[in-house]
Amino acid sequence: MLRCRCRPPPWVVLRAVRWLSRIAPPSPATAEPVIRVSNNVARLGEPKEGPKPRQLLSLPPFPSTGTDPLPGRKKDPAAGGHPRQVTAISWVKHYFADIPPEVIQSHFNKGLVHVESSNHDFQTKENYLIHCLKKDSAIIVLNKPPKVPVKGNLPVHNSMDILAAAALSYGSDQGPKLVHRLDRESSGLLLMGRTKESFTRLHWLFTNVNLAKSSSEIWNNACEATTRRYWALVIGSPKEREGIISAPLTKVLLNNGKAERVILAHPSGIDGSQDAITEYRVMGPTINGCSWVELCPLTGRKHQLRVHCAEALGTPIVGDYKYGWFVHQRWKQMPRVDYETLSGKPYKLRRPEGLEVQKGSVLSKVPLLHLHCREMVIPNISKFLGSSGEWLHECNPWSTSKPDLLRIVAPMPSHMKISWNVMSSFLV
């Protein structure tokens, strides 16, 4: 290999092994590793033999009062013209009309139907159900659905910060404040600080880890272990299976300053570029012209993951029409001949016919953005806050038994669940 001392380009994709990550790697995989998901934990391993797993389907939110009528259901004359009472079984039977009722009843009897609920969940006017995944004295963690803006400004009135301030203040003078942001089209974990001190420390942690450190060795070690993991479905597959993208970004104004776009910085470096670093790993083989990729941003720039995937790797995220419009057009036209890893036979998408939950998935003509903040590991900041919210450089005496780190995992939105199920049968 020839080596030279010339200056590298402003953005490079570096081959890296997993020990460069600030989080411990998964166990070593054998040849042709695939990813398996069990109890919301993803691990590498050998492909398992046998039949493909059954699909997981998410229905629209079940009415909280049980009195809302089913779509197209007539009112009950015996009840004074009020809607018929809706039960969980009738709700499932309505959306799975092609399945015999006794089969659905058997699923309920065997405990195969689960209802997700939380006392801290709330609902927007657009009927988006927001799940609260974690709440303690210092933080609140929400699972943001797609299409909901994070930061509100006129004329936006139903953003995540406004909704959280109204629904999750719990009698406090001020509601929780956003520690970081997600794009409107993306989904996943959204961290909020409940006190001034917790918000400040976590904001420093996401901006520059050195700013958040203190004299406590326990706290500093927890800061070093902080990470965010995103799951994304990209068109194509990166040339290297894993690596680190170091690609500075800059903004350009379009349409006479009415719009802006993030691009890779010019090599001259005189256009106000910002360093942007992303660690990535391909999670499985290419199916239907797409690949599942895990992304770990080590910096927090606007549209960093979307631009790095589209321009640095050349594999834009499915549903990202701002940075991958032309690739989407070619992807819909390209032939898709994929093969099973075990049998070698042509792979066929498992397409559940006649279900509205396909909307937005990879089966749709216009898929939604497939970018989800899946996992977050952060310090357990509640251990370092006093009863009045002040910062303690050492742990509270009464909280030494609590873990130093918090790990939160957010389920994927329905359109990404369907894409995962129909494309990744031998990865699960």
Protein backbone atom coordinates (compact mmCIF):
# COMPACT_ATOMS: atom_id res chain seq x y z
CA MET A 1 0.00 0.00 0.00
CA LEU A 2 1.34 3.41 -0.92
CA ARG A 3 1.24 6.11 1.73
CA CYS A 4 1.66 9.84 1.34
CA ARG A 5 1.60 12.81 3.67
CA CYS A 6 -0.76 14.87 1.58
CA ARG A 7 -3.68 16.46 3.39
CA PRO A 8 -6.80 14.23 3.39
CA PRO A 9 -10.06 15.54 1.95
CA PRO A 10 -12.38 17.42 4.35
CA TRP A 11 -14.61 14.38 4.68
CA VAL A 12 -13.51 10.78 4.81
CA VAL A 13 -15.08 7.47 5.67
CA LEU A 14 -12.68 5.63 7.92
CA ARG A 15 -12.60 1.89 8.37
CA ALA A 16 -12.95 1.23 12.09
CA VAL A 17 -13.40 -1.61 14.50
CA ARG A 18 -16.04 -1.51 17.21
CA TRP A 19 -13.58 -0.79 20.04
CA LEU A 20 -13.53 2.82 18.85
CA SER A 21 -17.08 3.17 20.11
CA ARG A 22 -17.67 4.60 23.58
CA ILE A 23 -20.06 1.72 24.24
CA ALA A 24 -18.94 -1.89 24.59
CA PRO A 25 -19.38 -3.84 21.32
CA PRO A 26 -21.69 -6.81 20.87
CA SER A 27 -20.26 -10.30 21.14
CA PRO A 28 -18.17 -11.43 18.16
CA ALA A 29 -20.22 -12.80 15.28
CA THR A 30 -19.52 -15.84 13.16
CA ALA A 31 -19.39 -15.85 9.40
CA GLU A 32 -22.29 -14.08 7.69
CA PRO A 33 -23.51 -12.42 10.92
CA VAL A 34 -27.12 -11.32 11.13
CA ILE A 35 -28.96 -9.34 13.77
CA ARG A 36 -31.54 -10.76 16.13
CA VAL A 37 -33.93 -8.83 18.35
CA SER A 38 -35.07 -10.25 21.69
CA ASN A 39 -36.72 -8.19 24.43
CA ASN A 40 -35.86 -4.99 22.55
CA VAL A 41 -32.15 -5.90 22.55
CA ALA A 42 -30.35 -6.34 19.23
CA ARG A 43 -27.50 -8.85 19.05
CA LEU A 44 -25.36 -10.32 16.30
CA GLY A 45 -25.44 -14.06 15.70
CA GLU A 46 -25.86 -16.86 13.19
CA PRO A 47 -28.99 -17.10 11.03
CA LYS A 48 -31.47 -19.42 12.66
CA GLU A 49 -33.03 -22.25 10.75
CA GLY A 50 -36.68 -23.06 10.55
CA PRO A 51 -39.77 -21.14 9.48
CA LYS A 52 -39.84 -17.36 9.33
CA PRO A 53 -41.18 -15.58 12.41
CA ARG A 54 -44.69 -14.23 12.41
CA GLN A 55 -45.19 -10.57 11.71
CA LEU A 56 -45.89 -7.97 14.38
CA LEU A 57 -48.63 -5.54 13.44
CA SER A 58 -49.65 -2.34 15.23
CA LEU A 59 -53.26 -1.18 15.15
CA PRO A 60 -54.52 2.39 15.59
CA PRO A 61 -54.73 3.51 19.25
CA PHE A 62 -57.53 1.81 21.18
CA PRO A 63 -60.12 4.38 22.40
CA SER A 64 -59.36 5.25 26.00
CA THR A 65 -63.01 5.59 27.05
CA GLY A 66 -64.29 2.52 25.21
CA THR A 67 -67.27 4.53 23.90
CA ASP A 68 -65.83 5.88 20.65
CA PRO A 69 -67.49 4.16 17.69
CA LEU A 70 -65.60 1.93 15.31
CA PRO A 71 -65.19 3.35 11.79
CA GLY A 72 -68.43 2.62 9.92
CA ARG A 73 -70.15 1.15 12.99
CA LYS A 74 -73.78 2.20 13.48
CA LYS A 75 -75.14 3.52 16.76
CA ASP A 76 -77.02 1.21 19.10
CA PRO A 77 -80.77 2.04 19.23
CA ALA A 78 -81.10 0.15 22.52
CA ALA A 79 -78.56 2.49 24.11
CA GLY A 80 -80.46 5.65 23.26
CA GLY A 81 -78.66 6.24 19.98
CA HIS A 82 -75.21 6.20 21.58
CA PRO A 83 -72.30 4.30 19.96
CA ARG A 84 -71.96 0.63 20.79
CA GLN A 85 -69.36 -0.08 23.47
CA VAL A 86 -66.01 -1.06 21.97
CA THR A 87 -64.00 -3.87 23.52
CA ALA A 88 -60.44 -4.89 22.74
CA ILE A 89 -61.65 -8.02 20.92
CA SER A 90 -64.14 -6.09 18.77
CA TRP A 91 -61.38 -3.55 17.98
CA VAL A 92 -59.06 -6.29 16.69
CA LYS A 93 -61.85 -8.11 14.84
CA HIS A 94 -62.76 -4.90 13.02
CA TYR A 95 -59.23 -4.43 11.63
CA PHE A 96 -58.74 -8.15 10.87
CA ALA A 97 -62.08 -8.91 9.25
CA ASP A 98 -60.54 -11.66 7.07
CA ILE A 99 -59.43 -13.70 10.09
CA PRO A 100 -62.00 -16.07 11.67
CA PRO A 101 -63.29 -14.72 15.01
CA GLU A 102 -62.36 -17.94 16.83
CA VAL A 103 -58.71 -17.44 15.81
CA ILE A 104 -58.68 -13.94 17.28
CA GLN A 105 -60.34 -15.24 20.44
CA SER A 106 -57.64 -17.91 20.69
CA HIS A 107 -54.92 -15.24 20.45
CA PHE A 108 -56.48 -13.37 23.35
CA ASN A 109 -56.76 -16.54 25.41
CA LYS A 110 -53.06 -17.32 24.83
CA GLY A 111 -51.95 -13.78 25.72
CA LEU A 112 -50.61 -13.00 22.23
CA VAL A 113 -52.32 -9.58 22.06
CA HIS A 114 -50.69 -6.79 24.05
CA VAL A 115 -51.93 -3.29 24.78
CA GLU A 116 -49.26 -0.63 25.30
CA SER A 117 -50.27 1.94 27.89
CA SER A 118 -48.73 4.41 30.34
CA ASN A 119 -50.07 6.84 32.89
CA HIS A 120 -47.79 9.51 31.41
CA ASP A 121 -48.84 9.14 27.77
CA PHE A 122 -50.70 11.97 26.10
CA GLN A 123 -52.36 12.58 22.76
CA THR A 124 -52.16 15.47 20.28
CA LYS A 125 -55.01 17.06 18.38
CA GLU A 126 -53.81 15.19 15.27
CA ASN A 127 -54.43 11.91 17.18
CA TYR A 128 -50.74 11.10 17.63
CA LEU A 129 -50.18 9.08 20.81
CA ILE A 130 -47.02 10.17 22.63
CA HIS A 131 -45.51 7.49 24.88
CA CYS A 132 -43.56 8.49 28.01
CA LEU A 133 -40.84 5.86 28.38
CA LYS A 134 -39.01 7.21 31.45
CA LYS A 135 -39.81 9.69 34.21
CA ASP A 136 -37.90 10.51 37.40
CA SER A 137 -37.04 13.63 39.39
CA ALA A 138 -34.52 14.83 36.79
CA ILE A 139 -35.62 13.75 33.30
CA ILE A 140 -38.51 12.74 31.08
CA VAL A 141 -37.94 10.59 27.99
CA LEU A 142 -40.61 10.47 25.26
CA ASN A 143 -41.01 8.34 22.15
CA LYS A 144 -41.72 10.94 19.48
CA PRO A 145 -43.87 9.78 16.56
CA PRO A 146 -43.08 10.96 13.03
CA LYS A 147 -44.59 14.16 11.61
CA VAL A 148 -44.69 15.89 15.01
CA PRO A 149 -42.41 18.97 15.23
CA VAL A 150 -40.07 19.20 18.20
CA LYS A 151 -39.71 22.96 18.61
CA GLY A 152 -42.76 25.17 18.30
CA ASN A 153 -42.97 28.57 16.67
CA LEU A 154 -45.78 30.44 14.98
CA PRO A 155 -47.91 29.05 13.41
CA VAL A 156 -46.95 25.69 15.01
CA HIS A 157 -48.96 25.08 18.19
CA ASN A 158 -48.70 21.30 18.67
CA SER A 159 -44.93 20.83 18.95
CA MET A 160 -43.34 18.46 21.43
CA ASP A 161 -42.04 21.22 23.74
CA ILE A 162 -45.45 22.93 23.97
CA LEU A 163 -47.31 19.64 24.50
CA ALA A 164 -44.85 18.47 27.15
CA ALA A 165 -45.03 21.80 28.99
CA ALA A 166 -48.83 21.50 29.09
CA ALA A 167 -49.16 17.78 29.86
CA LEU A 168 -45.99 16.89 31.79
CA SER A 169 -45.42 19.83 34.15
CA TYR A 170 -46.94 17.92 37.13
CA GLY A 171 -47.80 21.11 39.04
CA SER A 172 -44.42 22.76 38.50
CA ASP A 173 -44.15 26.37 37.39
CA GLN A 174 -42.20 25.31 34.31
CA GLY A 175 -42.53 22.25 32.13
CA PRO A 176 -39.59 20.07 31.00
CA LYS A 177 -37.15 21.54 28.49
CA LEU A 178 -35.71 19.85 25.39
CA VAL A 179 -32.13 18.65 25.75
CA HIS A 180 -31.74 17.78 22.06
CA ARG A 181 -33.88 17.80 18.92
CA LEU A 182 -35.18 15.39 16.31
CA ASP A 183 -36.30 16.23 12.78
CA ARG A 184 -40.02 16.57 12.23
CA GLU A 185 -40.13 13.46 9.99
CA SER A 186 -37.96 11.27 12.25
CA SER A 187 -39.06 9.40 15.37
CA GLY A 188 -37.69 7.99 18.58
CA LEU A 189 -36.21 8.99 21.91
CA LEU A 190 -36.53 12.61 22.97
CA LEU A 191 -34.82 13.62 26.22
CA MET A 192 -36.09 16.46 28.42
CA GLY A 193 -34.71 17.96 31.63
CA ARG A 194 -37.19 18.58 34.46
CA THR A 195 -34.99 20.96 36.49
CA LYS A 196 -32.66 23.78 35.54
CA GLU A 197 -29.61 21.85 36.72
CA SER A 198 -30.51 18.59 34.95
CA PHE A 199 -31.27 20.43 31.71
CA THR A 200 -27.95 22.34 31.84
CA ARG A 201 -25.82 19.28 32.59
CA LEU A 202 -27.47 17.14 29.93
CA HIS A 203 -27.29 19.95 27.36
CA TRP A 204 -23.55 20.23 28.00
CA LEU A 205 -23.28 16.46 27.70
CA PHE A 206 -24.87 16.46 24.24
CA THR A 207 -22.88 19.51 23.12
CA ASN A 208 -19.39 18.72 24.46
CA VAL A 209 -18.75 15.89 26.91
CA ASN A 210 -15.87 17.78 28.52
CA LEU A 211 -18.20 20.63 29.52
CA ALA A 212 -20.42 18.25 31.47
CA LYS A 213 -17.64 16.67 33.54
CA SER A 214 -17.14 17.44 37.21
CA SER A 215 -14.89 16.33 40.05
CA SER A 216 -16.84 13.08 40.46
CA GLU A 217 -15.18 10.05 38.88
CA ILE A 218 -18.50 8.16 38.81
CA TRP A 219 -20.21 10.97 36.93
CA ASN A 220 -17.31 11.40 34.48
CA ASN A 221 -17.25 7.69 33.65
CA ALA A 222 -20.99 7.80 33.03
CA CYS A 223 -20.54 10.80 30.74
CA GLU A 224 -17.97 8.91 28.68
CA ALA A 225 -20.43 6.04 28.21
CA THR A 226 -23.18 8.30 26.83
CA THR A 227 -24.39 7.34 23.36
CA ARG A 228 -27.35 7.51 21.01
CA ARG A 229 -28.14 4.77 18.51
CA TYR A 230 -30.36 5.31 15.51
CA TRP A 231 -31.80 2.68 13.19
CA ALA A 232 -32.23 3.66 9.57
CA LEU A 233 -33.22 1.92 6.35
CA VAL A 234 -31.04 3.19 3.51
CA ILE A 235 -31.20 2.70 -0.26
CA GLY A 236 -28.27 0.55 -1.35
CA SER A 237 -25.49 -0.56 0.99
CA PRO A 238 -22.29 1.22 2.13
CA LYS A 239 -19.09 -0.15 0.62
CA GLU A 240 -17.62 -0.80 4.06
CA ARG A 241 -19.69 -2.76 6.56
CA GLU A 242 -18.73 -0.44 9.44
CA GLY A 243 -16.69 2.68 9.98
CA ILE A 244 -16.59 6.31 11.08
CA ILE A 245 -17.76 9.18 8.90
CA SER A 246 -15.83 12.40 9.51
CA ALA A 247 -17.52 14.92 7.22
CA PRO A 248 -17.82 18.62 8.21
CA LEU A 249 -21.16 20.20 7.31
CA THR A 250 -22.27 23.68 6.32
CA LYS A 251 -25.54 25.40 5.46
CA VAL A 252 -26.51 27.10 2.22
CA LEU A 253 -29.53 29.35 1.66
CA LEU A 254 -31.98 28.65 -1.15
CA ASN A 255 -34.92 30.49 -2.69
CA ASN A 256 -33.67 33.95 -1.71
CA GLY A 257 -33.07 32.93 1.86
CA LYS A 258 -36.49 31.36 2.41
CA ALA A 259 -35.08 27.85 2.75
CA GLU A 260 -31.80 26.26 3.75
CA ARG A 261 -29.99 23.02 3.02
CA VAL A 262 -27.14 21.24 4.80
CA ILE A 263 -24.29 20.04 2.58
CA LEU A 264 -20.77 18.69 2.96
CA ALA A 265 -18.33 21.53 3.59
CA HIS A 266 -16.04 22.81 0.84
CA PRO A 267 -12.38 21.66 1.05
CA SER A 268 -11.23 25.26 1.57
CA GLY A 269 -12.93 25.33 4.94
CA ILE A 270 -13.79 29.04 4.72
CA ASP A 271 -17.55 28.68 4.63
CA GLY A 272 -18.18 28.34 8.36
CA SER A 273 -18.21 24.55 8.45
CA GLN A 274 -18.83 22.51 11.61
CA ASP A 275 -17.20 19.19 12.43
CA ALA A 276 -19.60 16.25 12.17
CA ILE A 277 -18.72 12.66 13.10
CA THR A 278 -20.95 9.59 12.81
CA GLU A 279 -20.16 5.96 13.58
CA TYR A 280 -22.12 3.47 11.48
CA ARG A 281 -22.59 -0.29 11.13
CA VAL A 282 -24.51 -2.28 8.51
CA MET A 283 -26.90 -4.59 10.33
CA GLY A 284 -27.62 -7.14 7.62
CA PRO A 285 -27.69 -7.96 3.90
CA THR A 286 -29.28 -5.88 1.18
CA ILE A 287 -32.95 -6.76 0.60
CA ASN A 288 -35.22 -5.11 -1.93
CA GLY A 289 -32.37 -2.75 -2.75
CA CYS A 290 -32.16 -1.50 0.87
CA SER A 291 -30.08 -2.13 3.98
CA TRP A 292 -30.66 -1.61 7.70
CA VAL A 293 -27.93 0.55 9.26
CA GLU A 294 -27.14 1.52 12.84
CA LEU A 295 -25.93 5.13 13.24
CA CYS A 296 -24.24 6.61 16.32
CA PRO A 297 -23.72 10.39 16.06
CA LEU A 298 -20.70 11.61 18.03
CA THR A 299 -21.64 15.22 17.26
CA GLY A 300 -25.05 16.84 17.05
CA ARG A 301 -25.34 18.86 13.82
CA LYS A 302 -28.59 19.59 12.04
CA HIS A 303 -29.52 16.84 9.53
CA GLN A 304 -26.15 15.21 10.25
CA LEU A 305 -27.26 11.59 9.83
CA ARG A 306 -29.34 12.30 6.73
CA VAL A 307 -26.52 14.17 4.95
CA HIS A 308 -23.83 11.67 5.98
CA CYS A 309 -25.94 8.77 4.67
CA ALA A 310 -26.87 10.51 1.43
CA GLU A 311 -23.66 12.31 0.48
CA ALA A 312 -20.81 10.64 2.39
CA LEU A 313 -21.97 7.02 2.09
CA GLY A 314 -24.04 7.47 -1.08
CA THR A 315 -26.97 5.62 0.51
CA PRO A 316 -29.80 8.06 1.38
CA ILE A 317 -32.37 7.08 3.98
CA VAL A 318 -35.66 5.69 2.67
CA GLY A 319 -38.24 8.47 2.75
CA ASP A 320 -35.65 11.28 2.76
CA TYR A 321 -36.67 13.14 -0.38
CA LYS A 322 -34.77 16.30 0.55
CA TYR A 323 -31.35 14.63 0.34
CA GLY A 324 -32.13 11.57 -1.79
CA TRP A 325 -34.79 12.44 -4.36
CA PHE A 326 -32.92 11.23 -7.45
CA VAL A 327 -31.78 8.02 -5.77
CA HIS A 328 -35.39 7.29 -4.80
CA GLN A 329 -36.43 7.53 -8.45
CA ARG A 330 -33.73 5.07 -9.55
CA TRP A 331 -34.50 2.74 -6.62
CA LYS A 332 -38.14 2.35 -7.69
CA GLN A 333 -37.00 1.41 -11.21
CA MET A 334 -34.09 -0.92 -10.44
CA PRO A 335 -34.60 -4.72 -10.64
CA ARG A 336 -34.67 -6.42 -7.24
CA VAL A 337 -33.26 -9.93 -7.32
CA ASP A 338 -32.34 -10.85 -3.75
CA TYR A 339 -31.61 -14.33 -2.44
CA GLU A 340 -32.16 -16.11 0.86
CA THR A 341 -28.91 -16.61 2.77
CA LEU A 342 -29.81 -20.18 3.84
CA SER A 343 -31.63 -21.68 0.86
CA GLY A 344 -30.19 -19.53 -1.94
CA LYS A 345 -33.68 -19.14 -3.40
CA PRO A 346 -35.00 -15.76 -4.61
CA TYR A 347 -36.25 -13.70 -1.70
CA LYS A 348 -39.89 -12.63 -1.71
CA LEU A 349 -41.30 -9.84 0.38
CA ARG A 350 -43.93 -11.02 2.83
CA ARG A 351 -46.66 -8.61 1.84
CA PRO A 352 -49.69 -8.56 4.19
CA GLU A 353 -52.49 -7.71 1.81
CA GLY A 354 -55.34 -5.36 2.59
CA LEU A 355 -53.97 -3.72 5.74
CA GLU A 356 -53.87 0.05 6.09
CA VAL A 357 -50.86 -0.22 8.38
CA GLN A 358 -48.74 -0.60 5.23
CA LYS A 359 -49.07 3.15 4.71
CA GLY A 360 -45.69 4.83 4.96
CA SER A 361 -43.70 1.56 4.99
CA VAL A 362 -41.28 0.36 2.34
CA LEU A 363 -44.28 -1.18 0.55
CA SER A 364 -45.80 2.28 -0.05
CA LYS A 365 -45.33 4.29 -3.20
CA VAL A 366 -44.19 7.23 -1.06
CA PRO A 367 -42.58 5.84 2.13
CA LEU A 368 -42.15 7.93 5.26
CA LEU A 369 -38.68 8.72 6.61
CA HIS A 370 -37.11 5.55 8.05
CA LEU A 371 -34.93 7.17 10.73
CA HIS A 372 -35.56 6.27 14.37
CA CYS A 373 -33.67 7.13 17.56
CA ARG A 374 -33.76 3.61 18.91
CA GLU A 375 -31.51 3.54 21.99
CA MET A 376 -30.01 6.01 24.43
CA VAL A 377 -27.48 5.48 27.24
CA ILE A 378 -27.12 8.47 29.59
CA PRO A 379 -25.90 9.11 33.14
CA ASN A 380 -28.44 8.64 35.91
CA ILE A 381 -28.43 12.34 36.78
CA SER A 382 -31.01 11.92 39.55
CA LYS A 383 -28.22 10.39 41.69
CA PHE A 384 -26.41 13.75 41.69
CA LEU A 385 -29.32 16.09 42.45
CA GLY A 386 -30.36 17.16 45.93
CA SER A 387 -33.91 17.40 47.23
CA SER A 388 -34.15 21.03 46.07
CA GLY A 389 -32.62 20.34 42.66
CA GLU A 390 -29.06 21.53 43.42
CA TRP A 391 -26.05 19.76 41.93
CA LEU A 392 -24.05 17.44 44.20
CA HIS A 393 -20.51 16.61 43.18
CA GLU A 394 -20.85 13.21 44.82
CA CYS A 395 -23.80 10.81 44.82
CA ASN A 396 -26.65 11.20 47.22
CA PRO A 397 -26.11 8.89 50.24
CA TRP A 398 -29.60 7.46 49.75
CA SER A 399 -29.07 6.73 46.01
CA THR A 400 -25.80 4.78 45.96
CA SER A 401 -27.68 1.60 45.08
CA LYS A 402 -29.14 3.16 41.92
CA PRO A 403 -27.38 2.40 38.60
CA ASP A 404 -24.87 4.89 37.23
CA LEU A 405 -26.31 4.63 33.72
CA LEU A 406 -29.80 4.62 32.27
CA ARG A 407 -30.55 2.69 29.09
CA ILE A 408 -33.81 3.48 27.27
CA VAL A 409 -35.07 1.73 24.13
CA ALA A 410 -37.91 3.09 21.98
CA PRO A 411 -40.10 0.80 19.82
CA MET A 412 -40.12 1.70 16.14
CA PRO A 413 -43.12 3.48 14.61
CA SER A 414 -45.64 1.38 12.74
CA HIS A 415 -44.31 2.12 9.22
CA MET A 416 -40.79 1.03 10.22
CA LYS A 417 -42.11 -2.07 12.02
CA ILE A 418 -43.83 -3.19 8.83
CA SER A 419 -40.68 -2.52 6.77
CA TRP A 420 -38.63 -4.53 9.27
CA ASN A 421 -41.06 -7.45 9.25
CA VAL A 422 -41.55 -7.74 5.51
CA MET A 423 -37.86 -7.29 4.64
CA SER A 424 -35.85 -8.82 7.44
CA SER A 425 -37.34 -12.24 8.02
CA PHE A 426 -34.03 -14.03 8.39
CA LEU A 427 -32.44 -11.22 10.41
CA VAL A 428 -34.82 -11.39 13.38
